Protein backbone atom coordinates (compact mmCIF):
# COMPACT_ATOMS: atom_id res chain seq x y z
CA ASP A 1 20.02 0.46 2.52
CA MET A 2 19.15 -2.84 4.00
CA ALA A 3 23.12 -3.94 4.09
CA GLU A 4 24.15 -0.15 5.94
CA LEU A 5 21.09 -0.80 8.29
CA GLN A 6 22.30 -4.42 8.57
CA GLU A 7 26.05 -3.22 9.56
CA LEU A 8 24.24 -0.78 12.25
CA SER A 9 22.59 -3.09 14.06
CA GLN A 10 25.55 -4.93 15.03
CA GLU A 11 26.45 -2.11 17.90
CA HIS A 12 23.13 0.07 17.77
CA ILE A 13 19.97 -0.58 19.18
CA ILE A 14 17.10 -0.37 15.91
CA ILE A 15 13.20 -0.55 15.97
CA SER A 16 11.64 0.33 12.68
CA ILE A 17 8.30 1.58 12.16
CA SER A 18 8.05 -1.15 9.07
CA GLN A 19 8.62 -4.42 8.97
CA CYS A 20 12.09 -5.48 8.93
CA SER A 21 13.64 -8.96 7.92
CA ILE A 22 17.10 -8.05 9.69
CA PRO A 23 17.59 -10.31 12.20
CA GLY A 24 18.01 -8.28 15.68
CA ILE A 25 16.07 -5.31 14.45
CA SER A 26 12.67 -5.13 15.90
CA TYR A 27 9.89 -3.39 14.20
CA VAL A 28 6.11 -2.24 15.01
CA ASP A 29 3.88 -2.41 11.98
CA VAL A 30 0.42 -3.16 10.18
CA ASP A 31 0.40 -6.84 8.50
CA ASN A 32 0.87 -5.30 4.73
CA VAL A 33 -0.01 -8.63 2.96
CA ARG A 34 -3.47 -8.97 5.35
CA GLY A 35 -4.22 -5.43 4.89
CA THR A 36 -3.67 -5.24 1.08
CA HIS A 37 -5.82 -8.35 0.71
CA ALA A 38 -8.76 -6.77 2.06
CA VAL A 39 -8.72 -3.78 -0.11
CA VAL A 40 -8.00 -5.51 -3.29
CA SER A 41 -10.83 -8.03 -2.17
CA HIS A 42 -13.26 -5.00 -1.38
CA LEU A 43 -12.92 -4.05 -5.18
CA LEU A 44 -13.56 -7.40 -6.21
CA GLU A 45 -16.08 -8.17 -4.18
CA LEU A 46 -17.73 -4.69 -5.90
CA GLY A 47 -17.51 -6.78 -9.58
CA HIS A 48 -14.22 -5.68 -10.62
CA ARG A 49 -12.16 -8.16 -12.29
CA LYS A 50 -9.53 -6.28 -14.48
CA VAL A 51 -7.88 -4.82 -11.29
CA ALA A 52 -4.25 -3.11 -11.94
CA MET A 53 -2.05 -2.44 -8.82
CA ILE A 54 0.25 0.54 -8.94
CA ALA A 55 3.01 -0.37 -6.18
CA TYR A 56 4.99 2.59 -4.45
CA ALA A 57 7.80 1.54 -4.71
CA ALA A 58 10.44 -0.99 -6.47
CA THR A 59 10.09 -4.38 -5.22
CA ASP A 60 13.26 -5.02 -3.66
CA VAL A 61 11.90 -2.33 -0.65
CA LEU A 62 10.23 -4.89 1.34
CA ILE A 63 7.22 -3.47 2.17
CA ALA A 64 6.45 -3.24 -1.82
CA ASN A 65 6.84 -6.49 -1.68
CA TYR A 66 4.68 -7.80 0.96
CA ARG A 67 2.20 -5.20 -0.59
CA LEU A 68 2.18 -7.22 -3.92
CA HIS A 69 1.65 -10.19 -2.49
CA GLY A 70 -1.18 -9.44 -0.82
CA TYR A 71 -2.57 -8.09 -3.96
CA GLN A 72 -1.72 -11.43 -5.69
CA GLN A 73 -2.88 -13.81 -2.88
CA ALA A 74 -6.73 -11.61 -2.92
CA LEU A 75 -6.73 -12.45 -6.84
CA ALA A 76 -5.80 -15.76 -6.49
CA ASN A 77 -8.92 -16.21 -3.60
CA HIS A 78 -11.63 -14.55 -6.04
CA GLY A 79 -10.41 -17.45 -8.53
CA ILE A 80 -8.29 -14.61 -10.74
CA GLY A 81 -5.16 -15.02 -12.55
CA PHE A 82 -2.15 -12.58 -11.77
CA ASP A 83 -1.63 -10.38 -14.96
CA GLU A 84 1.91 -8.93 -15.13
CA SER A 85 0.84 -6.52 -17.83
CA LEU A 86 -1.55 -4.76 -15.06
CA ILE A 87 1.27 -3.71 -12.55
CA ARG A 88 3.16 -0.54 -12.01
CA TYR A 89 5.81 0.81 -10.23
CA ALA A 90 5.87 4.18 -8.70
CA ASN A 91 8.49 5.68 -6.53
CA PHE A 92 6.61 7.02 -3.47
CA THR A 93 5.72 9.91 -4.75
CA SER A 94 3.22 11.56 -6.29
CA GLU A 95 4.56 12.50 -9.33
CA SER A 96 5.43 8.73 -9.79
CA GLY A 97 1.86 7.95 -9.36
CA HIS A 98 0.97 10.45 -12.37
CA ALA A 99 3.39 8.82 -14.23
CA ALA A 100 2.91 5.06 -13.71
CA MET A 101 -1.14 5.55 -14.24
CA ALA A 102 -0.43 7.21 -17.30
CA ASP A 103 1.50 4.33 -19.11
CA LEU A 104 -1.08 2.44 -18.15
CA LEU A 105 -4.20 4.18 -19.13
CA ASN A 106 -1.71 4.74 -22.76
CA THR A 107 -0.50 1.11 -23.14
CA LEU A 108 -3.21 -0.85 -21.91
CA ASP A 109 -5.46 -1.82 -24.96
CA GLU A 110 -8.13 -2.63 -22.35
CA LEU A 111 -8.24 -0.67 -19.27
CA PRO A 112 -8.60 -1.77 -16.01
CA THR A 113 -11.97 -0.84 -13.76
CA ALA A 114 -10.27 -0.09 -10.72
CA VAL A 115 -6.62 0.19 -9.71
CA PHE A 116 -4.96 -0.38 -6.22
CA VAL A 117 -2.39 2.00 -5.65
CA ALA A 118 0.09 0.92 -2.81
CA SER A 119 0.23 4.26 -0.80
CA ASP A 120 -2.46 7.44 -0.82
CA VAL A 121 0.49 9.48 -2.21
CA VAL A 122 1.23 8.00 -4.90
CA ALA A 123 -2.99 7.69 -5.70
CA ALA A 124 -3.34 11.27 -5.65
CA GLY A 125 -0.81 11.17 -8.28
CA ALA A 126 -2.73 8.66 -10.26
CA MET A 127 -5.94 9.78 -9.63
CA GLN A 128 -5.53 13.13 -11.15
CA ALA A 129 -3.90 11.12 -13.96
CA ALA A 130 -7.12 9.14 -14.84
CA ARG A 131 -9.22 12.53 -14.60
CA ASP A 132 -6.53 13.93 -16.98
CA TYR A 133 -7.08 10.80 -19.61
CA GLY A 134 -10.92 12.26 -19.16
CA LEU A 135 -12.14 9.19 -16.86
CA SER A 136 -14.04 9.86 -14.08
CA ILE A 137 -13.86 8.74 -10.56
CA PRO A 138 -15.64 6.15 -9.57
CA GLY A 139 -17.94 6.22 -12.89
CA ASP A 140 -15.58 5.07 -15.24
CA ILE A 141 -12.47 4.06 -12.89
CA SER A 142 -12.42 3.25 -9.29
CA PHE A 143 -9.58 3.85 -6.81
CA ALA A 144 -8.20 2.66 -3.36
CA SER A 145 -5.01 2.77 -1.94
CA PHE A 146 -3.25 2.04 1.40
CA ASP A 147 -2.08 4.37 4.75
CA ASP A 148 -5.02 6.49 5.37
CA LEU A 149 -2.81 9.75 5.51
CA PRO A 150 -4.76 12.23 6.73
CA PHE A 151 -5.31 14.32 3.73
CA ALA A 152 -7.08 10.76 2.07
CA ARG A 153 -10.47 12.00 3.37
CA TYR A 154 -10.18 15.23 1.58
CA LEU A 155 -9.29 13.85 -1.87
CA THR A 156 -11.89 14.31 -4.61
CA PRO A 157 -14.00 11.86 -4.27
CA PRO A 158 -12.34 10.71 -0.97
CA LEU A 159 -10.19 8.30 -1.03
CA THR A 160 -10.80 4.34 -0.27
CA THR A 161 -8.04 3.07 1.84
CA CYS A 162 -6.42 0.53 4.48
CA SER A 163 -5.88 2.89 7.66
CA ARG A 164 -1.85 1.81 9.38
CA PRO A 165 -2.39 3.45 12.80
CA ALA A 166 0.71 5.59 12.84
CA TYR A 167 0.14 7.05 16.30
CA GLU A 168 -0.19 3.73 18.04
CA ILE A 169 2.81 2.37 15.89
CA GLY A 170 4.74 5.71 16.99
CA THR A 171 3.67 4.78 20.67
CA LEU A 172 4.72 1.45 20.92
CA VAL A 173 7.91 2.28 19.17
CA GLY A 174 8.76 4.47 21.63
CA GLU A 175 8.32 2.04 24.47
CA MET A 176 10.30 -0.26 23.34
CA LEU A 177 13.07 2.09 22.92
CA ILE A 178 12.68 3.37 26.53
CA ASP A 179 12.70 -0.34 27.94
CA ALA A 180 15.68 -1.20 25.69
CA LEU A 181 17.81 2.15 26.73
CA LYS A 182 16.53 1.53 30.52
CA ASN A 183 17.49 -2.14 30.43
CA ASN A 184 20.66 -1.75 28.04
CA VAL A 185 19.82 -4.29 25.89
CA LYS A 186 19.04 -5.24 22.07
CA LEU A 187 15.15 -6.80 21.75
CA SER A 188 14.13 -8.72 19.07
CA ARG A 189 10.38 -8.21 18.84
CA SER A 190 8.04 -8.14 16.08
CA VAL A 191 4.37 -6.52 16.37
CA LEU A 192 1.84 -6.43 13.75
CA LEU A 193 -0.92 -4.30 14.78
CA ASP A 194 -4.64 -4.36 13.16
CA SER A 195 -5.17 -2.41 10.13
CA LYS A 196 -8.67 -1.53 8.84
CA LEU A 197 -10.60 -0.80 5.57
CA VAL A 198 -11.72 2.56 5.36
CA ILE A 199 -14.24 2.55 2.78
CA ARG A 200 -15.08 5.90 1.02
CA GLU A 201 -16.38 7.30 -2.02
CA SER A 202 -13.37 6.35 -4.86
CA ALA A 203 -14.53 3.01 -5.07
CA ALA A 204 -17.83 1.68 -6.72
CA PRO A 205 -19.24 -1.40 -8.02
CA TYR A 206 -18.33 -2.46 -11.57
CA ARG A 207 -20.92 -1.34 -14.70
CA SER A 208 -20.53 -2.75 -17.78
CA SER A 209 -20.87 0.23 -19.62
């Protein structure tokens, strides 16, 4: 809860492991807009033009909003208009990803040829929904995601995603916290690490058939 976090920040040292817009709270993360832009651009460069998105949470969650913005930027940079009907919102879980993907498949007159899911956890459920619908991945529909959690490489097929270097983030947060405690000062420091597009077998070139 942002209001509670802001209240806590008045008296406590807080260092976040995700981007935070509250003044006085330091954070370490990747650039979620830039990372998402890279993943969605990859799908577009494979020839897909109807790319849906499943956000991993409502856009009042800051990171979910950043990833939606990266999706919109990638479309705009490739000359493709934003279509609200291609957006669905999940709720952090694989089950919510399954439900969001099922809703896309059951309500759209023309199915997307690719889907960007803003979290590997949510993507696992979305991919299963596509299979339940009788679609092959990536033959009928391509998937790409964000986070590169350890299980992503073991999905069927292995998931194209954007890596978020969790170990490096945790290490830097720990160092910042120790420094703040040693010096008894509240830091105001924002660090964005590089992310990396990880290409696997869940996304393939667009086929008109």
